Amino acid sequence: MRKPEQLKTELSNLQVEKGSTCDRAVGCSTKCNSEMEAELRRLKVQSDPVEEAAEAAAAMLSTGNNGK
């Protein structure tokens, strides 16, 4: 059987390991979140001209100009 001191040491070691694992997980999720935000900004920049063109086309069609 293990002594109480051994069990306390093992428990303390497990708590430290768990803490560092949680810290790594938080770090990874923060990095992933930043990367996703950057990708969303990039996609927004790309989609803005497409949206403007679609609005212009819709305006032309609604006035009956049909591009003339």
Protein backbone atom coordinates (compact mmCIF):
# COMPACT_ATOMS: atom_id res chain seq x y z
CA MET A 1 0.00 0.00 0.00
CA ARG A 2 1.04 3.52 -0.67
CA LYS A 3 1.65 5.90 2.16
CA PRO A 4 -0.51 8.99 2.61
CA GLU A 5 2.49 11.18 1.74
CA GLN A 6 2.85 9.32 -1.56
CA LEU A 7 -0.83 9.76 -2.32
CA LYS A 8 -0.64 13.48 -1.55
CA THR A 9 2.37 13.83 -3.85
CA GLU A 10 0.66 11.88 -6.63
CA LEU A 11 -2.48 13.98 -6.25
CA SER A 12 -0.46 17.18 -6.35
CA ASN A 13 1.36 15.98 -9.49
CA LEU A 14 -1.94 15.14 -11.18
CA GLN A 15 -3.35 18.56 -10.32
CA VAL A 16 -0.30 20.25 -11.83
CA GLU A 17 -0.59 18.13 -14.98
CA LYS A 18 -4.30 18.90 -15.25
CA GLY A 19 -3.61 22.60 -14.86
CA SER A 20 -0.99 22.65 -17.58
CA THR A 21 -3.28 20.66 -19.88
CA CYS A 22 -6.06 23.18 -19.30
CA ASP A 23 -3.65 26.05 -19.94
CA ARG A 24 -2.58 24.46 -23.23
CA ALA A 25 -6.21 23.92 -24.23
CA VAL A 26 -7.07 27.55 -23.49
CA GLY A 27 -4.03 28.69 -25.44
CA CYS A 28 -4.98 26.53 -28.41
CA SER A 29 -8.59 27.69 -28.40
CA THR A 30 -7.51 31.34 -28.16
CA LYS A 31 -5.18 30.90 -31.13
CA CYS A 32 -7.89 29.10 -33.10
CA ASN A 33 -10.39 31.86 -32.29
CA SER A 34 -7.95 34.51 -33.52
CA GLU A 35 -7.35 32.60 -36.73
CA MET A 36 -11.09 32.22 -37.35
CA GLU A 37 -11.67 35.93 -36.74
CA ALA A 38 -8.93 36.78 -39.25
CA GLU A 39 -10.48 34.43 -41.80
CA LEU A 40 -13.92 36.00 -41.29
CA ARG A 41 -12.45 39.48 -41.83
CA ARG A 42 -10.75 38.26 -45.02
CA LEU A 43 -14.00 36.75 -46.31
CA LYS A 44 -15.91 39.94 -45.51
CA VAL A 45 -13.41 41.99 -47.50
CA GLN A 46 -13.83 39.60 -50.42
CA SER A 47 -17.62 39.54 -50.25
CA ASP A 48 -18.17 43.31 -50.02
CA PRO A 49 -17.51 43.99 -53.75
CA VAL A 50 -19.72 41.05 -54.72
CA GLU A 51 -22.52 42.40 -52.55
CA GLU A 52 -22.15 45.87 -54.06
CA ALA A 53 -22.27 44.45 -57.59
CA ALA A 54 -25.39 42.44 -56.75
CA GLU A 55 -27.09 45.52 -55.33
CA ALA A 56 -26.18 47.53 -58.45
CA ALA A 57 -27.56 44.78 -60.70
CA ALA A 58 -30.75 44.59 -58.67
CA ALA A 59 -31.15 48.37 -58.89
CA MET A 60 -30.69 48.28 -62.66
CA LEU A 61 -33.24 45.50 -63.08
CA SER A 62 -35.78 47.13 -60.81
CA THR A 63 -35.70 50.38 -62.77
CA GLY A 64 -36.23 48.55 -66.05
CA ASN A 65 -32.93 49.67 -67.58
CA ASN A 66 -31.77 46.12 -68.22
CA GLY A 67 -28.23 47.40 -68.49
CA LYS A 68 -29.01 50.02 -71.20
